[in-house]
Amino acid sequence: MSENLIIALQITLVGMGLVFAAILLLWGIMALLVRLTARSVEAEAEQKRATLTELERKQRAAAAAVAVALAQVAEASEPHEFPLPPTALVSAWQAVMRTRILNKRGPTR
């Protein structure tokens, strides 16, 4: 092989090696950051759960019960009806053209 081709292949290999090394380095850094931040998030959640008093828990349960009851009453009192689609205002010209197209296609399958 010519010397220029060998040098070009060596440069290519070095460049590709650097790219993949950088990708692996970034992957490692991201994995490390995820592990470090996951511990702090879990600790904050545990601390938040511990700080809720019994009174706050009862208040939240009562608020949730009231919300569910109100939703059930609203659903039962008003029957749900789908709105009618808007009427299509079609001019005579549009009706004739659409009929021609449908007649050309033949019966539906």
Protein backbone atom coordinates (compact mmCIF):
# COMPACT_ATOMS: atom_id res chain seq x y z
CA MET A 1 0.00 0.00 0.00
CA SER A 2 1.05 3.51 -0.49
CA GLU A 3 2.42 5.46 2.43
CA ASN A 4 -0.32 8.13 2.17
CA LEU A 5 -3.04 5.51 2.48
CA ILE A 6 -1.43 3.99 5.59
CA ILE A 7 -1.15 7.41 7.22
CA ALA A 8 -4.79 8.15 6.36
CA LEU A 9 -5.93 4.86 7.91
CA GLN A 10 -3.90 5.54 11.06
CA ILE A 11 -5.43 9.01 11.40
CA THR A 12 -8.89 7.50 10.88
CA LEU A 13 -8.31 4.87 13.58
CA VAL A 14 -7.01 7.45 16.05
CA GLY A 15 -9.98 9.73 15.37
CA MET A 16 -12.50 6.93 15.75
CA GLY A 17 -10.80 5.77 18.93
CA LEU A 18 -11.00 9.26 20.39
CA VAL A 19 -14.68 9.56 19.49
CA PHE A 20 -15.59 6.25 21.11
CA ALA A 21 -13.43 7.01 24.15
CA ALA A 22 -15.25 10.34 24.58
CA ILE A 23 -18.63 8.59 24.27
CA LEU A 24 -17.65 6.04 26.92
CA LEU A 25 -16.35 8.80 29.19
CA LEU A 26 -19.62 10.75 28.91
CA TRP A 27 -21.60 7.57 29.53
CA GLY A 28 -19.61 6.91 32.71
CA ILE A 29 -20.07 10.48 33.93
CA MET A 30 -23.83 10.33 33.34
CA ALA A 31 -24.11 6.99 35.17
CA LEU A 32 -22.17 8.44 38.10
CA LEU A 33 -24.36 11.54 38.23
CA VAL A 34 -27.52 9.44 38.16
CA ARG A 35 -26.30 7.36 41.08
CA LEU A 36 -25.29 10.40 43.10
CA THR A 37 -28.51 12.33 42.53
CA ALA A 38 -30.80 9.30 43.02
CA ARG A 39 -29.63 8.94 46.60
CA SER A 40 -30.43 12.54 47.44
CA VAL A 41 -33.89 12.36 45.84
CA GLU A 42 -34.74 9.23 47.82
CA ALA A 43 -33.51 10.85 51.03
CA GLU A 44 -35.64 13.95 50.38
CA ALA A 45 -38.72 11.83 49.73
CA GLU A 46 -38.18 9.86 52.91
CA GLN A 47 -37.70 13.04 54.90
CA LYS A 48 -40.86 14.54 53.43
CA ARG A 49 -42.86 11.42 54.32
CA ALA A 50 -41.52 11.55 57.86
CA THR A 51 -42.45 15.21 58.33
CA LEU A 52 -46.15 14.67 57.59
CA THR A 53 -48.04 14.70 60.83
CA GLU A 54 -51.07 12.60 61.57
CA LEU A 55 -53.31 15.66 61.27
CA GLU A 56 -51.96 16.48 57.79
CA ARG A 57 -52.54 12.90 56.68
CA LYS A 58 -56.15 13.03 57.88
CA GLN A 59 -56.68 16.38 56.16
CA ARG A 60 -55.33 15.05 52.87
CA ALA A 61 -57.50 11.94 53.12
CA ALA A 62 -60.58 14.06 53.81
CA ALA A 63 -59.80 16.37 50.88
CA ALA A 64 -59.39 13.37 48.56
CA ALA A 65 -62.68 11.87 49.78
CA VAL A 66 -64.53 15.16 49.19
CA ALA A 67 -63.06 15.46 45.68
CA VAL A 68 -64.15 11.92 44.79
CA ALA A 69 -67.64 12.49 46.21
CA LEU A 70 -68.07 15.74 44.28
CA ALA A 71 -66.94 14.06 41.07
CA GLN A 72 -69.40 11.21 41.58
CA VAL A 73 -72.28 13.61 42.25
CA ALA A 74 -71.47 15.70 39.18
CA GLU A 75 -71.25 12.59 37.03
CA ALA A 76 -74.53 11.14 38.27
CA SER A 77 -76.55 14.35 38.06
CA GLU A 78 -75.80 15.23 34.45
CA PRO A 79 -76.00 12.55 31.79
CA HIS A 80 -73.18 12.85 29.37
CA GLU A 81 -74.26 13.41 25.80
CA PHE A 82 -71.96 13.74 22.89
CA PRO A 83 -72.35 17.04 21.08
CA LEU A 84 -73.74 16.91 17.60
CA PRO A 85 -71.21 17.53 14.86
CA PRO A 86 -71.48 20.86 13.11
CA THR A 87 -73.66 20.76 10.04
CA ALA A 88 -71.83 20.79 6.78
CA LEU A 89 -72.89 23.72 4.67
CA VAL A 90 -72.44 22.45 1.16
CA SER A 91 -73.17 24.51 -1.89
CA ALA A 92 -74.99 23.03 -4.87
CA TRP A 93 -71.75 22.94 -6.85
CA GLN A 94 -69.97 20.98 -4.08
CA ALA A 95 -72.88 18.54 -3.81
CA VAL A 96 -72.85 17.85 -7.55
CA MET A 97 -69.08 17.35 -7.65
CA ARG A 98 -69.10 15.02 -4.64
CA THR A 99 -71.92 12.99 -6.16
CA ARG A 100 -69.95 12.63 -9.40
CA ILE A 101 -66.92 11.37 -7.51
CA LEU A 102 -69.00 8.87 -5.56
CA ASN A 103 -70.69 7.63 -8.75
CA LYS A 104 -67.32 7.14 -10.46
CA ARG A 105 -66.04 5.00 -7.58
CA GLY A 106 -69.06 2.70 -7.66
CA PRO A 107 -70.65 0.93 -4.72
CA THR A 108 -68.79 0.86 -1.45
CA ARG A 109 -66.92 -2.26 -0.54
